Amino acid sequence: MIRIICVSAIKLIMKKYFLSEEIMNLKGKKIAILATDGFEESELRVPQDALEKAGAITEIISLEKNDIKSWTNGNWGKAYQVDHTLSSSSPSDYDALLLPGGVLNPDLLRRSEAAIQFTRDFFEQHKPVAAICHGPQILIDADVVKNRKLTSFMSIRKDLENAGANWVDQEVVCDSGLVTSRTPQDLNAFVAKMIEEVAEGKHRNQTVER
């Protein structure tokens, strides 16, 4: 069971991954978390908690305004309140995007043209995007993985490679503002690199290949 990250855990992450106090200060940053029913709870809760501990504002964006149900330990978990729907949200209002995984969550999101466009717009605007486990599936539909180095849950490796991605088996991969990890066991490394990229801001090479 992965517990909520506390301040002392944040400091351990800083020490392990050589992050400075300046990098860990995300005050004034606003992060969109795109999710729907069936998201892996730890892959939303742990990064969200870390981002907020670092000073960022996080908002959950979803298909509808209803609460969304998490998935944890092979069963439905707690419900999370949605802050805004896709129809009332704009990537221009955010500094970065977080895409948690779960099997059902990305499968539902990738059926939504609004979710696909919302994701693609972060790349168009050169903003950091962090996706873990099955989360990178929506990047395929957004057509933003060609020639990008990334990782994911093993079962979607071929899907990403067929879409042109350079898939590697590492706990965390960062390619010009695109941060990816494989499973919840990689969350500490994922969180550390995500915070670093959000602190750095826009990345020129974080874009859509034409």
C-alpha atoms as a PDB file:
ATOM      1  CA  MET A   1       0.000   0.000   0.000  1.00  0.00           C
ATOM      2  CA  ILE A   2       1.416   3.371  -1.041  1.00  0.00           C
ATOM      3  CA  ARG A   3       0.731   5.993   1.597  1.00  0.00           C
ATOM      4  CA  ILE A   4       0.058   9.685   1.112  1.00  0.00           C
ATOM      5  CA  ILE A   5       3.339  11.556   0.763  1.00  0.00           C
ATOM      6  CA  CYS A   6       4.108  13.666   3.835  1.00  0.00           C
ATOM      7  CA  VAL A   7       6.557  16.572   4.109  1.00  0.00           C
ATOM      8  CA  SER A   8       9.319  14.301   5.468  1.00  0.00           C
ATOM      9  CA  ALA A   9       8.854  11.959   2.479  1.00  0.00           C
ATOM     10  CA  ILE A  10       9.108  14.931   0.131  1.00  0.00           C
ATOM     11  CA  LYS A  11      12.457  15.795   1.727  1.00  0.00           C
ATOM     12  CA  LEU A  12      13.675  12.226   1.227  1.00  0.00           C
ATOM     13  CA  ILE A  13      12.701  12.405  -2.437  1.00  0.00           C
ATOM     14  CA  MET A  14      14.595  15.700  -2.733  1.00  0.00           C
ATOM     15  CA  LYS A  15      17.705  14.131  -1.236  1.00  0.00           C
ATOM     16  CA  LYS A  16      17.548  10.933  -3.303  1.00  0.00           C
ATOM     17  CA  TYR A  17      16.993  12.708  -6.617  1.00  0.00           C
ATOM     18  CA  PHE A  18      19.184  15.757  -5.881  1.00  0.00           C
ATOM     19  CA  LEU A  19      16.338  18.270  -6.040  1.00  0.00           C
ATOM     20  CA  SER A  20      16.875  21.734  -4.605  1.00  0.00           C
ATOM     21  CA  GLU A  21      14.427  23.745  -2.464  1.00  0.00           C
ATOM     22  CA  GLU A  22      13.999  26.063  -5.442  1.00  0.00           C
ATOM     23  CA  ILE A  23      12.962  23.229  -7.752  1.00  0.00           C
ATOM     24  CA  MET A  24      10.553  21.867  -5.162  1.00  0.00           C
ATOM     25  CA  ASN A  25       8.798  25.235  -4.836  1.00  0.00           C
ATOM     26  CA  LEU A  26       5.801  25.163  -7.171  1.00  0.00           C
ATOM     27  CA  LYS A  27       3.966  28.095  -5.627  1.00  0.00           C
ATOM     28  CA  GLY A  28       1.811  29.743  -8.285  1.00  0.00           C
ATOM     29  CA  LYS A  29       1.778  26.671 -10.538  1.00  0.00           C
ATOM     30  CA  LYS A  30      -1.567  25.136 -11.484  1.00  0.00           C
ATOM     31  CA  ILE A  31      -1.777  21.500 -12.546  1.00  0.00           C
ATOM     32  CA  ALA A  32      -4.619  19.785 -14.414  1.00  0.00           C
ATOM     33  CA  ILE A  33      -5.259  16.125 -13.555  1.00  0.00           C
ATOM     34  CA  LEU A  34      -7.255  14.454 -16.325  1.00  0.00           C
ATOM     35  CA  ALA A  35      -9.091  11.349 -15.082  1.00  0.00           C
ATOM     36  CA  THR A  36     -12.370   9.479 -15.044  1.00  0.00           C
ATOM     37  CA  ASP A  37     -13.807   6.326 -13.466  1.00  0.00           C
ATOM     38  CA  GLY A  38     -11.318   3.504 -12.982  1.00  0.00           C
ATOM     39  CA  PHE A  39      -8.146   5.524 -12.457  1.00  0.00           C
ATOM     40  CA  GLU A  40      -5.513   3.845 -10.301  1.00  0.00           C
ATOM     41  CA  GLU A  41      -5.904   5.666  -6.994  1.00  0.00           C
ATOM     42  CA  SER A  42      -2.257   5.839  -5.979  1.00  0.00           C
ATOM     43  CA  GLU A  43      -1.294   7.213  -9.401  1.00  0.00           C
ATOM     44  CA  LEU A  44      -3.553  10.213  -8.837  1.00  0.00           C
ATOM     45  CA  ARG A  45      -3.403  10.640  -5.074  1.00  0.00           C
ATOM     46  CA  VAL A  46       0.361  10.390  -4.556  1.00  0.00           C
ATOM     47  CA  PRO A  47       1.402  12.879  -7.301  1.00  0.00           C
ATOM     48  CA  GLN A  48      -1.455  15.212  -6.350  1.00  0.00           C
ATOM     49  CA  ASP A  49      -0.394  15.191  -2.713  1.00  0.00           C
ATOM     50  CA  ALA A  50       3.245  15.816  -3.638  1.00  0.00           C
ATOM     51  CA  LEU A  51       2.376  18.661  -6.001  1.00  0.00           C
ATOM     52  CA  GLU A  52       0.261  20.354  -3.364  1.00  0.00           C
ATOM     53  CA  LYS A  53       2.934  19.860  -0.692  1.00  0.00           C
ATOM     54  CA  ALA A  54       5.320  21.607  -3.101  1.00  0.00           C
ATOM     55  CA  GLY A  55       2.925  24.558  -3.325  1.00  0.00           C
ATOM     56  CA  ALA A  56       1.041  23.868  -6.552  1.00  0.00           C
ATOM     57  CA  ILE A  57      -2.710  24.033  -7.067  1.00  0.00           C
ATOM     58  CA  THR A  58      -4.210  20.882  -8.554  1.00  0.00           C
ATOM     59  CA  GLU A  59      -7.606  20.452 -10.190  1.00  0.00           C
ATOM     60  CA  ILE A  60      -9.265  17.257 -11.374  1.00  0.00           C
ATOM     61  CA  ILE A  61     -10.724  17.555 -14.870  1.00  0.00           C
ATOM     62  CA  SER A  62     -13.134  14.929 -16.150  1.00  0.00           C
ATOM     63  CA  LEU A  63     -15.811  14.102 -18.692  1.00  0.00           C
ATOM     64  CA  GLU A  64     -18.668  15.028 -16.354  1.00  0.00           C
ATOM     65  CA  LYS A  65     -19.058  16.936 -13.079  1.00  0.00           C
ATOM     66  CA  ASN A  66     -20.010  13.808 -11.108  1.00  0.00           C
ATOM     67  CA  ASP A  67     -17.520  12.306  -8.658  1.00  0.00           C
ATOM     68  CA  ILE A  68     -15.175   9.758 -10.233  1.00  0.00           C
ATOM     69  CA  LYS A  69     -14.410   6.365  -8.698  1.00  0.00           C
ATOM     70  CA  SER A  70     -10.874   5.141  -8.162  1.00  0.00           C
ATOM     71  CA  TRP A  71      -9.577   1.590  -8.555  1.00  0.00           C
ATOM     72  CA  THR A  72      -7.341   0.158  -5.859  1.00  0.00           C
ATOM     73  CA  ASN A  73      -6.135  -3.329  -4.951  1.00  0.00           C
ATOM     74  CA  GLY A  74      -8.371  -4.958  -7.570  1.00  0.00           C
ATOM     75  CA  ASN A  75     -11.573  -3.269  -6.437  1.00  0.00           C
ATOM     76  CA  TRP A  76     -13.412   0.022  -6.648  1.00  0.00           C
ATOM     77  CA  GLY A  77     -11.968   2.549  -4.203  1.00  0.00           C
ATOM     78  CA  LYS A  78     -12.995   5.950  -2.914  1.00  0.00           C
ATOM     79  CA  ALA A  79     -14.670   8.612  -5.015  1.00  0.00           C
ATOM     80  CA  TYR A  80     -12.872  11.843  -5.899  1.00  0.00           C
ATOM     81  CA  GLN A  81     -14.547  15.180  -6.504  1.00  0.00           C
ATOM     82  CA  VAL A  82     -14.237  16.618 -10.007  1.00  0.00           C
ATOM     83  CA  ASP A  83     -13.317  20.300 -10.071  1.00  0.00           C
ATOM     84  CA  HIS A  84     -14.159  21.035 -13.704  1.00  0.00           C
ATOM     85  CA  THR A  85     -15.463  19.310 -16.798  1.00  0.00           C
ATOM     86  CA  LEU A  86     -13.528  19.278 -20.047  1.00  0.00           C
ATOM     87  CA  SER A  87     -16.154  21.509 -21.607  1.00  0.00           C
ATOM     88  CA  SER A  88     -15.411  24.238 -19.053  1.00  0.00           C
ATOM     89  CA  SER A  89     -11.611  23.839 -18.987  1.00  0.00           C
ATOM     90  CA  SER A  90      -8.748  25.194 -21.075  1.00  0.00           C
ATOM     91  CA  PRO A  91      -5.095  24.063 -21.081  1.00  0.00           C
ATOM     92  CA  SER A  92      -4.193  27.761 -21.235  1.00  0.00           C
ATOM     93  CA  ASP A  93      -5.245  27.990 -17.583  1.00  0.00           C
ATOM     94  CA  TYR A  94      -2.740  25.352 -16.445  1.00  0.00           C
ATOM     95  CA  ASP A  95       1.027  24.932 -16.255  1.00  0.00           C
ATOM     96  CA  ALA A  96       1.138  21.148 -16.655  1.00  0.00           C
ATOM     97  CA  LEU A  97      -0.943  18.004 -17.113  1.00  0.00           C
ATOM     98  CA  LEU A  98      -0.988  14.786 -15.060  1.00  0.00           C
ATOM     99  CA  LEU A  99      -2.389  11.578 -16.580  1.00  0.00           C
ATOM    100  CA  PRO A 100      -2.837   8.791 -14.020  1.00  0.00           C
ATOM    101  CA  GLY A 101      -3.307   5.230 -15.232  1.00  0.00           C
ATOM    102  CA  GLY A 102      -5.653   2.397 -14.439  1.00  0.00           C
ATOM    103  CA  VAL A 103      -7.035   0.110 -17.125  1.00  0.00           C
ATOM    104  CA  LEU A 104     -10.533   1.594 -17.491  1.00  0.00           C
ATOM    105  CA  ASN A 105      -9.667   5.266 -17.028  1.00  0.00           C
ATOM    106  CA  PRO A 106      -7.537   5.885 -20.164  1.00  0.00           C
ATOM    107  CA  ASP A 107      -9.770   3.618 -22.241  1.00  0.00           C
ATOM    108  CA  LEU A 108     -12.763   5.830 -21.444  1.00  0.00           C
ATOM    109  CA  LEU A 109     -10.831   9.072 -21.935  1.00  0.00           C
ATOM    110  CA  ARG A 110      -9.454   8.110 -25.339  1.00  0.00           C
ATOM    111  CA  ARG A 111     -13.041   7.759 -26.623  1.00  0.00           C
ATOM    112  CA  SER A 112     -13.581  11.468 -25.937  1.00  0.00           C
ATOM    113  CA  GLU A 113     -12.478  13.920 -28.620  1.00  0.00           C
ATOM    114  CA  ALA A 114     -12.501  16.648 -25.963  1.00  0.00           C
ATOM    115  CA  ALA A 115     -10.076  14.678 -23.772  1.00  0.00           C
ATOM    116  CA  ILE A 116      -7.800  13.972 -26.730  1.00  0.00           C
ATOM    117  CA  GLN A 117      -7.723  17.618 -27.790  1.00  0.00           C
ATOM    118  CA  PHE A 118      -7.232  18.798 -24.202  1.00  0.00           C
ATOM    119  CA  THR A 119      -4.166  16.549 -23.928  1.00  0.00           C
ATOM    120  CA  ARG A 120      -2.787  17.523 -27.330  1.00  0.00           C
ATOM    121  CA  ASP A 121      -3.077  21.217 -26.497  1.00  0.00           C
ATOM    122  CA  PHE A 122      -0.545  20.884 -23.674  1.00  0.00           C
ATOM    123  CA  PHE A 123       1.986  19.682 -26.233  1.00  0.00           C
ATOM    124  CA  GLU A 124       1.006  22.468 -28.615  1.00  0.00           C
ATOM    125  CA  GLN A 125       1.669  24.928 -25.785  1.00  0.00           C
ATOM    126  CA  HIS A 126       5.029  23.276 -24.855  1.00  0.00           C
ATOM    127  CA  LYS A 127       3.864  22.488 -21.304  1.00  0.00           C
ATOM    128  CA  PRO A 128       4.999  19.534 -19.156  1.00  0.00           C
ATOM    129  CA  VAL A 129       2.910  16.356 -19.277  1.00  0.00           C
ATOM    130  CA  ALA A 130       3.353  13.462 -16.835  1.00  0.00           C
ATOM    131  CA  ALA A 131       1.755  10.069 -17.549  1.00  0.00           C
ATOM    132  CA  ILE A 132       2.124   6.808 -15.637  1.00  0.00           C
ATOM    133  CA  CYS A 133       1.279   3.136 -16.202  1.00  0.00           C
ATOM    134  CA  HIS A 134      -1.632   2.960 -18.716  1.00  0.00           C
ATOM    135  CA  GLY A 135      -1.891   6.770 -18.769  1.00  0.00           C
ATOM    136  CA  PRO A 136       0.227   7.122 -21.948  1.00  0.00           C
ATOM    137  CA  GLN A 137      -2.542   5.406 -23.955  1.00  0.00           C
ATOM    138  CA  ILE A 138      -4.304   8.721 -24.447  1.00  0.00           C
ATOM    139  CA  LEU A 139      -1.073  10.152 -25.881  1.00  0.00           C
ATOM    140  CA  ILE A 140      -1.420   7.708 -28.761  1.00  0.00           C
ATOM    141  CA  ASP A 141      -4.827   9.073 -29.706  1.00  0.00           C
ATOM    142  CA  ALA A 142      -3.549  12.628 -29.242  1.00  0.00           C
ATOM    143  CA  ASP A 143      -0.860  11.763 -31.828  1.00  0.00           C
ATOM    144  CA  VAL A 144       2.007  13.113 -29.737  1.00  0.00           C
ATOM    145  CA  VAL A 145       4.313  10.105 -29.189  1.00  0.00           C
ATOM    146  CA  LYS A 146       6.089   9.890 -32.542  1.00  0.00           C
ATOM    147  CA  ASN A 147       9.874   9.977 -32.013  1.00  0.00           C
ATOM    148  CA  ARG A 148       9.439  10.567 -28.267  1.00  0.00           C
ATOM    149  CA  LYS A 149      11.333   8.526 -25.698  1.00  0.00           C
ATOM    150  CA  LEU A 150       9.011   7.168 -23.003  1.00  0.00           C
ATOM    151  CA  THR A 151       7.911   4.230 -20.889  1.00  0.00           C
ATOM    152  CA  SER A 152       4.636   2.747 -19.648  1.00  0.00           C
ATOM    153  CA  PHE A 153       3.024  -0.392 -18.304  1.00  0.00           C
ATOM    154  CA  MET A 154       4.481  -3.286 -20.297  1.00  0.00           C
ATOM    155  CA  SER A 155       1.162  -4.339 -21.881  1.00  0.00           C
ATOM    156  CA  ILE A 156       0.854  -1.124 -23.925  1.00  0.00           C
ATOM    157  CA  ARG A 157       4.468  -1.118 -25.121  1.00  0.00           C
ATOM    158  CA  LYS A 158       3.608  -2.357 -28.635  1.00  0.00           C
ATOM    159  CA  ASP A 159       0.781   0.174 -28.991  1.00  0.00           C
ATOM    160  CA  LEU A 160       3.191   2.993 -28.218  1.00  0.00           C
ATOM    161  CA  GLU A 161       5.923   1.628 -30.489  1.00  0.00           C
ATOM    162  CA  ASN A 162       3.423   1.215 -33.325  1.00  0.00           C
ATOM    163  CA  ALA A 163       2.535   4.884 -32.857  1.00  0.00           C
ATOM    164  CA  GLY A 164       6.208   5.804 -33.316  1.00  0.00           C
ATOM    165  CA  ALA A 165       7.423   6.046 -29.717  1.00  0.00           C
ATOM    166  CA  ASN A 166      10.884   4.995 -28.560  1.00  0.00           C
ATOM    167  CA  TRP A 167       9.845   2.771 -25.618  1.00  0.00           C
ATOM    168  CA  VAL A 168      12.373   1.955 -22.875  1.00  0.00           C
ATOM    169  CA  ASP A 169      12.137  -0.080 -19.668  1.00  0.00           C
ATOM    170  CA  GLN A 170      13.082   2.436 -16.952  1.00  0.00           C
ATOM    171  CA  GLU A 171      11.425   3.594 -13.733  1.00  0.00           C
ATOM    172  CA  VAL A 172      11.092   7.111 -15.091  1.00  0.00           C
ATOM    173  CA  VAL A 173      11.812   8.659 -18.486  1.00  0.00           C
ATOM    174  CA  CYS A 174      11.944  12.366 -19.238  1.00  0.00           C
ATOM    175  CA  ASP A 175      11.966  13.702 -22.791  1.00  0.00           C
ATOM    176  CA  SER A 176      11.755  17.497 -23.026  1.00  0.00           C
ATOM    177  CA  GLY A 177       8.940  17.912 -20.523  1.00  0.00           C
ATOM    178  CA  LEU A 178       7.246  14.558 -21.151  1.00  0.00           C
ATOM    179  CA  VAL A 179       7.582  12.442 -17.986  1.00  0.00           C
ATOM    180  CA  THR A 180       6.518   8.782 -17.981  1.00  0.00           C
ATOM    181  CA  SER A 181       6.760   5.821 -15.594  1.00  0.00           C
ATOM    182  CA  ARG A 182       5.747   2.154 -15.634  1.00  0.00           C
ATOM    183  CA  THR A 183       3.826   1.262 -12.462  1.00  0.00           C
ATOM    184  CA  PRO A 184       2.921   2.548  -8.965  1.00  0.00           C
ATOM    185  CA  GLN A 185       6.233   1.100  -7.752  1.00  0.00           C
ATOM    186  CA  ASP A 186       7.941   3.906  -9.715  1.00  0.00           C
ATOM    187  CA  LEU A 187       5.944   6.697  -8.087  1.00  0.00           C
ATOM    188  CA  ASN A 188       8.785   8.274  -6.093  1.00  0.00           C
ATOM    189  CA  ALA A 189      10.948   8.695  -9.189  1.00  0.00           C
ATOM    190  CA  PHE A 190       7.908   9.791 -11.208  1.00  0.00           C
ATOM    191  CA  VAL A 191       6.911  12.410  -8.660  1.00  0.00           C
ATOM    192  CA  ALA A 192      10.450  13.781  -8.364  1.00  0.00           C
ATOM    193  CA  LYS A 193      10.919  14.189 -12.116  1.00  0.00           C
ATOM    194  CA  MET A 194       7.407  15.583 -12.605  1.00  0.00           C
ATOM    195  CA  ILE A 195       7.992  18.278  -9.992  1.00  0.00           C
ATOM    196  CA  GLU A 196      11.340  19.157 -11.552  1.00  0.00           C
ATOM    197  CA  GLU A 197       9.802  19.544 -15.017  1.00  0.00           C
ATOM    198  CA  VAL A 198       6.861  21.592 -13.743  1.00  0.00           C
ATOM    199  CA  ALA A 199       9.281  23.912 -11.929  1.00  0.00           C
ATOM    200  CA  GLU A 200      11.280  24.395 -15.133  1.00  0.00           C
ATOM    201  CA  GLY A 201       8.166  25.450 -17.054  1.00  0.00           C
ATOM    202  CA  LYS A 202       7.694  25.278 -20.802  1.00  0.00           C
ATOM    203  CA  HIS A 203      10.016  23.163 -22.967  1.00  0.00           C
ATOM    204  CA  ARG A 204      10.619  24.173 -26.563  1.00  0.00           C
ATOM    205  CA  ASN A 205      10.875  20.564 -27.746  1.00  0.00           C
ATOM    206  CA  GLN A 206       7.708  19.509 -25.942  1.00  0.00           C
ATOM    207  CA  THR A 207       5.505  19.808 -28.967  1.00  0.00           C
ATOM    208  CA  VAL A 208       3.542  18.001 -31.663  1.00  0.00           C
ATOM    209  CA  GLU A 209       5.624  16.646 -34.508  1.00  0.00           C
ATOM    210  CA  ARG A 210       4.251  17.789 -37.849  1.00  0.00           C
END
